[in-house]
Amino acid sequence: MSDARELAVAQLHQQLLERSAQDALPDNFSASNVPLEGPLASTLETLFSETFSESIQDEQQRIRAQLQNNNEEPVTEQQVTRALHIAMYNRLSDSITIAESELAALAQERGKRVKAYLVNQAQVEAGRLFLLNSREHLQSQSSSVELSLQAD
């Protein structure tokens, strides 16, 4: 998953947590395991309606039709609700725009952590490590740290 996607998901989680007034999100919270009912489900639906100005019932009907077209068996309400929550979660997270400055700050922090690890764990002399300005070469589609070592 790209850094931008991870940051968007983190922002969505923060919005859901704050607006639902929950103490914490469930472990491994993701699109596929949003609770079927309760404060988080209600908050997801409200946030979706506010963001896209669409009716939850219209979205639910569209999903029900898709599920029924793909199944020979009757579709249960639980299946519809699960698919609805997955679709709403994904559309909300996809709609969040992450600024280049946020990605640059993440890249800078990642570089600092790698340097600290090399100094503290790998016993590399701090004077031999340099952080380059990640803002100059920011690649928003990549999640990586580039290291180059020079031998004396």
N, C-alpha and C. Protein backbone atom coordinates (compact mmCIF):
# COMPACT_ATOMS: atom_id res chain seq x y z
N MET A 1 0.85 -1.17 0.00
CA MET A 1 0.00 0.00 0.00
C MET A 1 0.90 1.24 0.00
N SER A 2 0.56 2.23 -0.81
CA SER A 2 1.38 3.43 -0.90
C SER A 2 1.26 4.28 0.36
N ASP A 3 2.25 5.14 0.55
CA ASP A 3 2.22 6.03 1.70
C ASP A 3 0.98 6.91 1.69
N ALA A 4 0.62 7.43 0.52
CA ALA A 4 -0.56 8.30 0.42
C ALA A 4 -1.81 7.54 0.84
N ARG A 5 -1.93 6.31 0.41
CA ARG A 5 -3.09 5.49 0.78
C ARG A 5 -3.11 5.22 2.28
N GLU A 6 -1.96 4.90 2.84
CA GLU A 6 -1.86 4.65 4.29
C GLU A 6 -2.26 5.89 5.09
N LEU A 7 -1.78 7.06 4.65
CA LEU A 7 -2.13 8.30 5.35
C LEU A 7 -3.62 8.60 5.22
N ALA A 8 -4.20 8.33 4.05
CA ALA A 8 -5.64 8.55 3.86
C ALA A 8 -6.45 7.63 4.77
N VAL A 9 -6.06 6.38 4.85
CA VAL A 9 -6.75 5.42 5.74
C VAL A 9 -6.62 5.87 7.19
N ALA A 10 -5.43 6.33 7.57
CA ALA A 10 -5.23 6.81 8.95
C ALA A 10 -6.13 8.01 9.24
N GLN A 11 -6.26 8.92 8.27
CA GLN A 11 -7.15 10.07 8.47
C GLN A 11 -8.61 9.63 8.59
N LEU A 12 -9.02 8.69 7.76
CA LEU A 12 -10.39 8.17 7.86
C LEU A 12 -10.62 7.52 9.22
N HIS A 13 -9.68 6.74 9.68
CA HIS A 13 -9.81 6.10 11.00
C HIS A 13 -9.94 7.16 12.09
N GLN A 14 -9.14 8.21 12.00
CA GLN A 14 -9.20 9.27 13.00
C GLN A 14 -10.57 9.96 12.99
N GLN A 15 -11.09 10.23 11.80
CA GLN A 15 -12.43 10.85 11.69
C GLN A 15 -13.49 9.93 12.29
N LEU A 16 -13.43 8.66 11.96
CA LEU A 16 -14.42 7.72 12.49
C LEU A 16 -14.33 7.61 14.00
N LEU A 17 -13.12 7.59 14.51
CA LEU A 17 -12.92 7.49 15.96
C LEU A 17 -13.46 8.73 16.67
N GLU A 18 -13.10 9.91 16.18
CA GLU A 18 -13.55 11.15 16.81
C GLU A 18 -15.06 11.31 16.74
N ARG A 19 -15.63 11.06 15.58
CA ARG A 19 -17.06 11.30 15.39
C ARG A 19 -17.94 10.24 16.05
N SER A 20 -17.39 9.05 16.25
CA SER A 20 -18.18 8.00 16.90
C SER A 20 -18.07 8.06 18.42
N ALA A 21 -17.14 8.87 18.92
CA ALA A 21 -16.90 9.03 20.36
C ALA A 21 -16.48 7.71 21.02
N GLN A 22 -15.83 6.85 20.25
CA GLN A 22 -15.31 5.59 20.78
C GLN A 22 -13.93 5.85 21.38
N ASP A 23 -13.52 5.01 22.32
CA ASP A 23 -12.20 5.13 22.92
C ASP A 23 -11.11 4.66 21.95
N ALA A 24 -11.44 3.63 21.17
CA ALA A 24 -10.47 3.07 20.24
C ALA A 24 -11.21 2.31 19.15
N LEU A 25 -10.55 2.12 18.02
CA LEU A 25 -11.10 1.29 16.96
C LEU A 25 -10.80 -0.17 17.29
N PRO A 26 -11.62 -1.08 16.78
CA PRO A 26 -11.33 -2.51 17.00
C PRO A 26 -9.97 -2.88 16.41
N ASP A 27 -9.35 -3.92 16.94
CA ASP A 27 -8.09 -4.41 16.39
C ASP A 27 -8.29 -4.77 14.92
N ASN A 28 -7.27 -4.51 14.12
CA ASN A 28 -7.29 -4.82 12.68
C ASN A 28 -8.48 -4.20 11.96
N PHE A 29 -8.86 -3.00 12.36
CA PHE A 29 -9.99 -2.31 11.74
C PHE A 29 -9.65 -1.99 10.29
N SER A 30 -10.55 -2.38 9.38
CA SER A 30 -10.35 -2.14 7.95
C SER A 30 -11.72 -2.15 7.27
N ALA A 31 -11.70 -1.97 5.96
CA ALA A 31 -12.94 -1.94 5.19
C ALA A 31 -13.76 -3.22 5.40
N SER A 32 -13.08 -4.35 5.44
CA SER A 32 -13.81 -5.63 5.49
C SER A 32 -14.28 -6.02 6.87
N ASN A 33 -13.89 -5.27 7.92
CA ASN A 33 -14.39 -5.65 9.24
C ASN A 33 -14.96 -4.47 10.02
N VAL A 34 -15.59 -3.54 9.31
CA VAL A 34 -16.37 -2.50 9.99
C VAL A 34 -17.55 -3.22 10.64
N PRO A 35 -17.83 -2.91 11.90
CA PRO A 35 -18.99 -3.56 12.53
C PRO A 35 -20.27 -3.34 11.71
N LEU A 36 -21.15 -4.33 11.71
CA LEU A 36 -22.39 -4.23 10.94
C LEU A 36 -23.38 -3.25 11.54
N GLU A 37 -23.23 -2.99 12.84
CA GLU A 37 -24.13 -2.03 13.50
C GLU A 37 -23.38 -1.39 14.66
N GLY A 38 -23.97 -0.35 15.21
CA GLY A 38 -23.35 0.33 16.33
C GLY A 38 -22.79 1.69 15.93
N PRO A 39 -22.07 2.34 16.84
CA PRO A 39 -21.60 3.70 16.61
C PRO A 39 -20.67 3.85 15.41
N LEU A 40 -19.77 2.90 15.19
CA LEU A 40 -18.86 3.02 14.05
C LEU A 40 -19.60 2.87 12.72
N ALA A 41 -20.53 1.94 12.66
CA ALA A 41 -21.31 1.76 11.44
C ALA A 41 -22.15 3.00 11.16
N SER A 42 -22.78 3.54 12.17
CA SER A 42 -23.59 4.75 12.00
C SER A 42 -22.73 5.94 11.58
N THR A 43 -21.56 6.06 12.18
CA THR A 43 -20.66 7.17 11.84
C THR A 43 -20.17 7.04 10.41
N LEU A 44 -19.85 5.83 9.98
CA LEU A 44 -19.42 5.60 8.60
C LEU A 44 -20.52 6.03 7.64
N GLU A 45 -21.75 5.64 7.93
CA GLU A 45 -22.87 6.00 7.06
C GLU A 45 -23.09 7.51 7.02
N THR A 46 -23.02 8.16 8.16
CA THR A 46 -23.20 9.61 8.23
C THR A 46 -22.09 10.33 7.45
N LEU A 47 -20.87 9.92 7.67
CA LEU A 47 -19.74 10.53 6.99
C LEU A 47 -19.85 10.35 5.48
N PHE A 48 -20.28 9.17 5.05
CA PHE A 48 -20.47 8.90 3.63
C PHE A 48 -21.54 9.83 3.05
N SER A 49 -22.67 9.93 3.72
CA SER A 49 -23.76 10.80 3.24
C SER A 49 -23.33 12.25 3.15
N GLU A 50 -22.60 12.71 4.15
CA GLU A 50 -22.13 14.10 4.16
C GLU A 50 -21.09 14.36 3.08
N THR A 51 -20.21 13.42 2.87
CA THR A 51 -19.13 13.60 1.90
C THR A 51 -19.62 13.55 0.47
N PHE A 52 -20.51 12.63 0.18
CA PHE A 52 -20.92 12.41 -1.21
C PHE A 52 -22.33 12.89 -1.51
N SER A 53 -23.04 13.38 -0.53
CA SER A 53 -24.42 13.85 -0.72
C SER A 53 -25.26 12.81 -1.45
N GLU A 54 -25.08 11.57 -1.06
CA GLU A 54 -25.84 10.47 -1.65
C GLU A 54 -26.65 9.77 -0.57
N SER A 55 -27.73 9.18 -0.98
CA SER A 55 -28.57 8.43 -0.07
C SER A 55 -27.96 7.05 0.19
N ILE A 56 -27.93 6.68 1.45
CA ILE A 56 -27.44 5.35 1.81
C ILE A 56 -28.35 4.28 1.19
N GLN A 57 -29.64 4.55 1.16
CA GLN A 57 -30.59 3.59 0.59
C GLN A 57 -30.31 3.35 -0.90
N ASP A 58 -29.98 4.42 -1.64
CA ASP A 58 -29.66 4.25 -3.06
C ASP A 58 -28.41 3.39 -3.24
N GLU A 59 -27.39 3.66 -2.43
CA GLU A 59 -26.15 2.88 -2.48
C GLU A 59 -26.43 1.43 -2.10
N GLN A 60 -27.27 1.23 -1.09
CA GLN A 60 -27.62 -0.11 -0.65
C GLN A 60 -28.35 -0.88 -1.75
N GLN A 61 -29.27 -0.23 -2.45
CA GLN A 61 -30.01 -0.88 -3.55
C GLN A 61 -29.07 -1.28 -4.68
N ARG A 62 -28.12 -0.38 -4.99
CA ARG A 62 -27.15 -0.67 -6.06
C ARG A 62 -26.30 -1.89 -5.68
N ILE A 63 -25.88 -1.94 -4.44
CA ILE A 63 -25.04 -3.06 -3.98
C ILE A 63 -25.85 -4.35 -3.94
N ARG A 64 -27.09 -4.26 -3.48
CA ARG A 64 -27.95 -5.45 -3.45
C ARG A 64 -28.11 -6.02 -4.87
N ALA A 65 -28.34 -5.14 -5.85
CA ALA A 65 -28.49 -5.57 -7.24
C ALA A 65 -27.21 -6.23 -7.75
N GLN A 66 -26.06 -5.65 -7.43
CA GLN A 66 -24.78 -6.24 -7.85
C GLN A 66 -24.59 -7.62 -7.24
N LEU A 67 -24.88 -7.75 -5.96
CA LEU A 67 -24.71 -9.04 -5.28
C LEU A 67 -25.66 -10.08 -5.86
N GLN A 68 -26.89 -9.69 -6.13
CA GLN A 68 -27.86 -10.63 -6.66
C GLN A 68 -27.50 -11.07 -8.08
N ASN A 69 -26.90 -10.17 -8.85
CA ASN A 69 -26.48 -10.53 -10.21
C ASN A 69 -25.33 -11.53 -10.20
N ASN A 70 -24.52 -11.50 -9.14
CA ASN A 70 -23.35 -12.37 -9.06
C ASN A 70 -23.62 -13.67 -8.30
N ASN A 71 -24.81 -13.83 -7.73
CA ASN A 71 -25.12 -15.01 -6.92
C ASN A 71 -26.40 -15.67 -7.40
N GLU A 72 -26.39 -16.99 -7.35
CA GLU A 72 -27.62 -17.73 -7.64
C GLU A 72 -28.46 -17.88 -6.39
N GLU A 73 -27.82 -17.87 -5.24
CA GLU A 73 -28.49 -17.97 -3.94
C GLU A 73 -29.07 -16.61 -3.56
N PRO A 74 -30.10 -16.58 -2.74
CA PRO A 74 -30.63 -15.30 -2.25
C PRO A 74 -29.57 -14.59 -1.40
N VAL A 75 -29.54 -13.28 -1.51
CA VAL A 75 -28.56 -12.47 -0.79
C VAL A 75 -29.15 -12.08 0.56
N THR A 76 -28.36 -12.23 1.63
CA THR A 76 -28.84 -11.89 2.96
C THR A 76 -28.59 -10.41 3.25
N GLU A 77 -29.32 -9.89 4.22
CA GLU A 77 -29.14 -8.49 4.63
C GLU A 77 -27.74 -8.28 5.19
N GLN A 78 -27.20 -9.28 5.87
CA GLN A 78 -25.85 -9.17 6.41
C GLN A 78 -24.82 -9.03 5.27
N GLN A 79 -24.98 -9.78 4.20
CA GLN A 79 -24.09 -9.67 3.05
C GLN A 79 -24.19 -8.27 2.42
N VAL A 80 -25.40 -7.77 2.30
CA VAL A 80 -25.61 -6.44 1.72
C VAL A 80 -24.96 -5.38 2.60
N THR A 81 -25.19 -5.47 3.91
CA THR A 81 -24.62 -4.49 4.84
C THR A 81 -23.10 -4.54 4.82
N ARG A 82 -22.53 -5.74 4.81
CA ARG A 82 -21.07 -5.88 4.77
C ARG A 82 -20.51 -5.24 3.49
N ALA A 83 -21.10 -5.56 2.35
CA ALA A 83 -20.64 -4.99 1.08
C ALA A 83 -20.84 -3.48 1.03
N LEU A 84 -21.93 -3.01 1.61
CA LEU A 84 -22.20 -1.57 1.68
C LEU A 84 -21.13 -0.86 2.49
N HIS A 85 -20.79 -1.40 3.64
CA HIS A 85 -19.76 -0.80 4.50
C HIS A 85 -18.39 -0.81 3.82
N ILE A 86 -18.07 -1.89 3.14
CA ILE A 86 -16.80 -1.96 2.42
C ILE A 86 -16.75 -0.88 1.34
N ALA A 87 -17.83 -0.75 0.58
CA ALA A 87 -17.88 0.25 -0.50
C ALA A 87 -17.78 1.67 0.06
N MET A 88 -18.51 1.95 1.13
CA MET A 88 -18.47 3.30 1.72
C MET A 88 -17.09 3.61 2.27
N TYR A 89 -16.50 2.67 2.99
CA TYR A 89 -15.16 2.85 3.57
C TYR A 89 -14.15 3.15 2.46
N ASN A 90 -14.17 2.35 1.40
CA ASN A 90 -13.21 2.52 0.31
C ASN A 90 -13.42 3.83 -0.43
N ARG A 91 -14.65 4.20 -0.68
CA ARG A 91 -14.90 5.48 -1.36
C ARG A 91 -14.46 6.65 -0.50
N LEU A 92 -14.70 6.57 0.80
CA LEU A 92 -14.28 7.65 1.70
C LEU A 92 -12.75 7.76 1.74
N SER A 93 -12.07 6.64 1.90
CA SER A 93 -10.61 6.70 1.96
C SER A 93 -10.02 7.15 0.63
N ASP A 94 -10.62 6.74 -0.48
CA ASP A 94 -10.15 7.17 -1.80
C ASP A 94 -10.36 8.66 -2.04
N SER A 95 -11.33 9.25 -1.35
CA SER A 95 -11.64 10.67 -1.56
C SER A 95 -10.72 11.61 -0.78
N ILE A 96 -9.92 11.06 0.12
CA ILE A 96 -9.03 11.88 0.94
C ILE A 96 -7.76 12.18 0.17
N THR A 97 -7.47 13.46 0.02
CA THR A 97 -6.26 13.89 -0.70
C THR A 97 -5.15 14.15 0.32
N ILE A 98 -4.01 13.59 0.05
CA ILE A 98 -2.85 13.78 0.92
C ILE A 98 -1.90 14.76 0.24
N ALA A 99 -1.57 15.82 0.96
CA ALA A 99 -0.69 16.86 0.43
C ALA A 99 0.74 16.35 0.30
N GLU A 100 1.45 16.88 -0.70
CA GLU A 100 2.86 16.51 -0.90
C GLU A 100 3.67 16.80 0.36
N SER A 101 3.30 17.87 1.08
CA SER A 101 4.05 18.23 2.29
C SER A 101 3.92 17.14 3.36
N GLU A 102 2.77 16.48 3.43
CA GLU A 102 2.60 15.39 4.39
C GLU A 102 3.47 14.19 4.00
N LEU A 103 3.53 13.91 2.70
CA LEU A 103 4.38 12.82 2.24
C LEU A 103 5.85 13.13 2.46
N ALA A 104 6.23 14.39 2.24
CA ALA A 104 7.62 14.80 2.46
C ALA A 104 7.98 14.69 3.94
N ALA A 105 7.07 15.10 4.82
CA ALA A 105 7.32 14.99 6.26
C ALA A 105 7.47 13.52 6.66
N LEU A 106 6.65 12.66 6.09
CA LEU A 106 6.76 11.23 6.38
C LEU A 106 8.10 10.69 5.89
N ALA A 107 8.53 11.09 4.70
CA ALA A 107 9.81 10.63 4.16
C ALA A 107 10.96 11.10 5.05
N GLN A 108 10.89 12.34 5.51
CA GLN A 108 11.93 12.88 6.38
C GLN A 108 11.99 12.11 7.70
N GLU A 109 10.83 11.85 8.27
CA GLU A 109 10.76 11.09 9.53
C GLU A 109 11.29 9.67 9.34
N ARG A 110 10.95 9.06 8.22
CA ARG A 110 11.43 7.71 7.93
C ARG A 110 12.95 7.70 7.83
N GLY A 111 13.51 8.69 7.18
CA GLY A 111 14.96 8.80 7.06
C GLY A 111 15.63 8.94 8.42
N LYS A 112 15.03 9.76 9.29
CA LYS A 112 15.58 9.95 10.64
C LYS A 112 15.57 8.64 11.43
N ARG A 113 14.50 7.89 11.28
CA ARG A 113 14.41 6.61 12.01
C ARG A 113 15.42 5.59 11.51
N VAL A 114 15.62 5.57 10.19
CA VAL A 114 16.61 4.65 9.63
C VAL A 114 18.00 5.04 10.12
N LYS A 115 18.29 6.33 10.12
CA LYS A 115 19.59 6.80 10.60
C LYS A 115 19.78 6.43 12.07
N ALA A 116 18.76 6.65 12.89
CA ALA A 116 18.85 6.32 14.31
C ALA A 116 19.08 4.82 14.50
N TYR A 117 18.42 4.00 13.71
CA TYR A 117 18.63 2.56 13.79
C TYR A 117 20.08 2.20 13.46
N LEU A 118 20.59 2.79 12.36
CA LEU A 118 21.96 2.47 11.94
C LEU A 118 22.98 2.90 13.00
N VAL A 119 22.72 4.04 13.65
CA VAL A 119 23.64 4.51 14.68
C VAL A 119 23.52 3.66 15.94
N ASN A 120 22.30 3.44 16.39
CA ASN A 120 22.07 2.77 17.69
C ASN A 120 22.18 1.26 17.64
N GLN A 121 21.73 0.65 16.55
CA GLN A 121 21.70 -0.81 16.48
C GLN A 121 22.86 -1.39 15.67
N ALA A 122 23.18 -0.74 14.55
CA ALA A 122 24.23 -1.27 13.68
C ALA A 122 25.60 -0.67 13.99
N GLN A 123 25.61 0.26 14.94
CA GLN A 123 26.86 0.88 15.40
C GLN A 123 27.64 1.60 14.29
N VAL A 124 26.92 2.20 13.35
CA VAL A 124 27.55 3.01 12.31
C VAL A 124 27.78 4.40 12.91
N GLU A 125 28.97 4.96 12.67
CA GLU A 125 29.28 6.30 13.20
C GLU A 125 28.30 7.32 12.65
N ALA A 126 27.73 8.13 13.54
CA ALA A 126 26.74 9.13 13.12
C ALA A 126 27.32 10.10 12.10
N GLY A 127 28.58 10.42 12.20
CA GLY A 127 29.22 11.35 11.27
C GLY A 127 29.34 10.81 9.86
N ARG A 128 29.14 9.52 9.69
CA ARG A 128 29.21 8.92 8.36
C ARG A 128 27.85 8.85 7.68
N LEU A 129 26.79 9.25 8.38
CA LEU A 129 25.44 9.17 7.84
C LEU A 129 24.89 10.57 7.59
N PHE A 130 24.28 10.76 6.47
CA PHE A 130 23.71 12.05 6.10
C PHE A 130 22.30 11.85 5.57
N LEU A 131 21.40 12.72 5.98
CA LEU A 131 20.05 12.72 5.44
C LEU A 131 19.98 13.76 4.34
N LEU A 132 19.56 13.34 3.17
CA LEU A 132 19.39 14.27 2.07
C LEU A 132 17.99 14.86 2.14
N ASN A 133 17.80 15.98 1.50
CA ASN A 133 16.50 16.62 1.50
C ASN A 133 15.53 15.79 0.66
N SER A 134 14.66 15.08 1.32
CA SER A 134 13.73 14.19 0.61
C SER A 134 12.70 14.96 -0.21
N ARG A 135 12.49 16.23 0.09
CA ARG A 135 11.51 17.02 -0.65
C ARG A 135 11.94 17.23 -2.10
N GLU A 136 13.24 17.20 -2.36
CA GLU A 136 13.74 17.43 -3.71
C GLU A 136 13.47 16.25 -4.63
N HIS A 137 13.44 15.05 -4.07
CA HIS A 137 13.30 13.85 -4.89
C HIS A 137 12.11 13.01 -4.45
N LEU A 138 11.06 13.66 -4.04
CA LEU A 138 9.90 12.95 -3.51
C LEU A 138 9.19 12.17 -4.60
N GLN A 139 8.99 10.88 -4.35
CA GLN A 139 8.24 10.02 -5.26
C GLN A 139 7.02 9.54 -4.51
N SER A 140 5.88 10.13 -4.79
CA SER A 140 4.69 9.84 -3.99
C SER A 140 4.12 8.45 -4.25
N GLN A 141 4.56 7.76 -5.30
CA GLN A 141 4.02 6.43 -5.58
C GLN A 141 4.88 5.33 -4.95
N SER A 142 5.94 5.70 -4.27
CA SER A 142 6.86 4.72 -3.72
C SER A 142 6.95 4.84 -2.21
N SER A 143 7.05 3.72 -1.53
CA SER A 143 7.25 3.69 -0.08
C SER A 143 8.60 3.04 0.16
N SER A 144 9.64 3.85 0.25
CA SER A 144 10.97 3.28 0.41
C SER A 144 11.94 4.30 0.98
N VAL A 145 13.08 3.79 1.39
CA VAL A 145 14.19 4.61 1.84
C VAL A 145 15.39 4.20 1.00
N GLU A 146 16.09 5.18 0.44
CA GLU A 146 17.29 4.89 -0.34
C GLU A 146 18.51 5.15 0.51
N LEU A 147 19.40 4.19 0.55
CA LEU A 147 20.64 4.33 1.29
C LEU A 147 21.81 4.23 0.33
N SER A 148 22.81 5.06 0.54
CA SER A 148 24.04 4.91 -0.22
C SER A 148 25.19 4.99 0.78
N LEU A 149 26.13 4.11 0.62
CA LEU A 149 27.26 4.05 1.54
C LEU A 149 28.53 4.34 0.75
N GLN A 150 29.40 5.12 1.36
CA GLN A 150 30.70 5.39 0.76
C GLN A 150 31.76 4.79 1.66
N ALA A 151 32.69 4.12 1.06
CA ALA A 151 33.80 3.54 1.82
C ALA A 151 34.98 4.50 1.78
N ASP A 152 35.65 4.64 2.88
CA ASP A 152 36.84 5.51 2.94
C ASP A 152 38.06 4.76 2.45
